[in-house]
Amino acid sequence: MTLSSCPKSRLRLPPNKHQVKQELAQDVAHFLARGGNVKQVEQGETALINGCFNQQRPTVAGQAQTRTLLSSQVEAIEKRKEERRHIKPIPVKANRRPTKKWIYDDFGEPLRWVWA
């Protein structure tokens, strides 16, 4: 099957910039045809008060609360974390049986096995 004989994809692609511009122009023309009007605004004019953002700081009602020290609780938590971090040694069994172990060559092929 060649590329030219492949059926076209039925996926809907998002509109490109040209299509978006055309759709926006049609929307504006439809708005103006229904009697809408566009207000012209001078360059540099903004909706800000005196050309500045609102500079009033929000106020928090109430008194400042005192803080309770939790250093003893934090130390206890850290101690528990530290205990979990230490790896406990695995006890070695005294009556271990010998096991069969493969010996491999440099290419990963098994050569022979030995009892270890």
Protein backbone atom coordinates (compact mmCIF):
# COMPACT_ATOMS: atom_id res chain seq x y z
CA MET A 1 0.00 0.00 0.00
CA THR A 2 1.51 3.30 -1.03
CA LEU A 3 1.11 6.59 0.73
CA SER A 4 -1.09 8.03 -2.00
CA SER A 5 -3.57 5.15 -1.80
CA CYS A 6 -4.03 5.43 2.02
CA PRO A 7 -7.48 6.66 3.05
CA LYS A 8 -7.50 10.10 4.65
CA SER A 9 -7.82 10.26 8.39
CA ARG A 10 -11.24 11.17 9.75
CA LEU A 11 -9.74 12.95 12.76
CA ARG A 12 -10.85 16.53 13.22
CA LEU A 13 -7.89 18.86 13.28
CA PRO A 14 -7.97 22.04 15.35
CA PRO A 15 -8.54 25.20 13.31
CA ASN A 16 -5.48 26.99 12.04
CA LYS A 17 -4.83 30.72 12.50
CA HIS A 18 -6.44 31.70 9.21
CA GLN A 19 -9.65 29.84 10.05
CA VAL A 20 -9.76 31.42 13.52
CA LYS A 21 -9.34 34.90 11.99
CA GLN A 22 -12.15 34.25 9.51
CA GLU A 23 -14.48 32.98 12.24
CA LEU A 24 -13.73 36.01 14.44
CA ALA A 25 -14.37 38.38 11.53
CA GLN A 26 -17.70 36.63 10.83
CA ASP A 27 -18.70 36.92 14.50
CA VAL A 28 -17.91 40.66 14.54
CA ALA A 29 -19.84 41.21 11.28
CA HIS A 30 -22.83 39.29 12.68
CA PHE A 31 -22.69 41.36 15.91
CA LEU A 32 -22.60 44.63 13.97
CA ALA A 33 -25.45 43.45 11.66
CA ARG A 34 -27.70 42.83 14.69
CA GLY A 35 -27.25 46.44 15.80
CA GLY A 36 -24.26 46.11 18.08
CA ASN A 37 -21.62 48.82 18.19
CA VAL A 38 -17.96 48.94 19.09
CA LYS A 39 -16.73 51.58 21.51
CA GLN A 40 -13.45 53.17 20.48
CA VAL A 41 -10.92 53.48 23.31
CA GLU A 42 -7.95 55.84 23.35
CA GLN A 43 -4.52 54.27 23.29
CA GLY A 44 -3.13 53.89 26.80
CA GLU A 45 -6.54 54.12 28.48
CA THR A 46 -7.13 51.41 31.08
CA ALA A 47 -9.76 50.34 33.55
CA LEU A 48 -7.33 50.84 36.42
CA ILE A 49 -7.98 53.47 39.09
CA ASN A 50 -5.58 56.37 38.40
CA GLY A 51 -3.64 54.02 36.13
CA CYS A 52 -2.58 51.88 39.13
CA PHE A 53 -3.57 48.52 40.46
CA ASN A 54 -5.52 48.32 43.72
CA GLN A 55 -2.88 49.00 46.33
CA GLN A 56 -4.96 48.45 49.44
CA ARG A 57 -3.58 45.68 51.57
CA PRO A 58 -6.02 43.08 52.87
CA THR A 59 -6.44 43.25 56.63
CA VAL A 60 -6.77 40.26 58.88
CA ALA A 61 -9.17 40.68 61.78
CA GLY A 62 -8.07 39.44 65.18
CA GLN A 63 -4.98 39.34 67.34
CA ALA A 64 -1.80 37.52 66.47
CA GLN A 65 -1.88 34.06 67.98
CA THR A 66 0.94 32.64 70.04
CA ARG A 67 2.67 29.57 68.71
CA THR A 68 3.09 26.33 70.61
CA LEU A 69 6.50 24.71 70.36
CA LEU A 70 6.37 21.13 69.19
CA SER A 71 10.07 20.32 69.31
CA SER A 72 9.56 17.23 71.48
CA GLN A 73 6.99 15.83 69.05
CA VAL A 74 9.23 16.60 66.08
CA GLU A 75 12.16 14.86 67.76
CA ALA A 76 10.00 11.77 68.43
CA ILE A 77 8.90 11.65 64.79
CA GLU A 78 12.48 12.03 63.56
CA LYS A 79 13.61 9.26 65.91
CA ARG A 80 10.96 6.89 64.51
CA LYS A 81 11.99 7.77 60.96
CA GLU A 82 15.65 7.13 61.80
CA GLU A 83 14.80 3.72 63.26
CA ARG A 84 13.08 2.73 60.01
CA ARG A 85 16.06 3.86 57.93
CA HIS A 86 18.49 1.46 59.58
CA ILE A 87 18.50 -1.88 57.80
CA LYS A 88 18.24 -4.74 60.22
CA PRO A 89 20.72 -7.53 59.50
CA ILE A 90 19.23 -10.76 58.24
CA PRO A 91 20.03 -13.59 60.62
CA VAL A 92 22.16 -16.29 59.02
CA LYS A 93 20.89 -19.83 59.48
CA ALA A 94 23.44 -22.18 61.02
CA ASN A 95 22.16 -25.29 59.23
CA ARG A 96 22.40 -24.08 55.65
CA ARG A 97 22.39 -26.73 52.98
CA PRO A 98 24.69 -26.35 50.02
CA THR A 99 23.05 -24.87 46.93
CA LYS A 100 23.74 -25.33 43.28
CA LYS A 101 25.31 -22.25 41.67
CA TRP A 102 25.95 -21.73 37.96
CA ILE A 103 29.31 -20.43 36.71
CA TYR A 104 28.98 -18.25 33.58
CA ASP A 105 31.59 -17.36 30.96
CA ASP A 106 32.29 -13.81 29.68
CA PHE A 107 29.41 -14.02 27.21
CA GLY A 108 26.78 -15.02 29.77
CA GLU A 109 26.66 -18.68 28.76
CA PRO A 110 26.59 -21.23 31.62
CA LEU A 111 29.76 -23.29 31.80
CA ARG A 112 29.19 -25.52 34.81
CA TRP A 113 27.61 -25.52 38.20
CA VAL A 114 29.22 -25.86 41.57
CA TRP A 115 27.89 -26.50 45.06
CA ALA A 116 28.27 -23.49 47.28
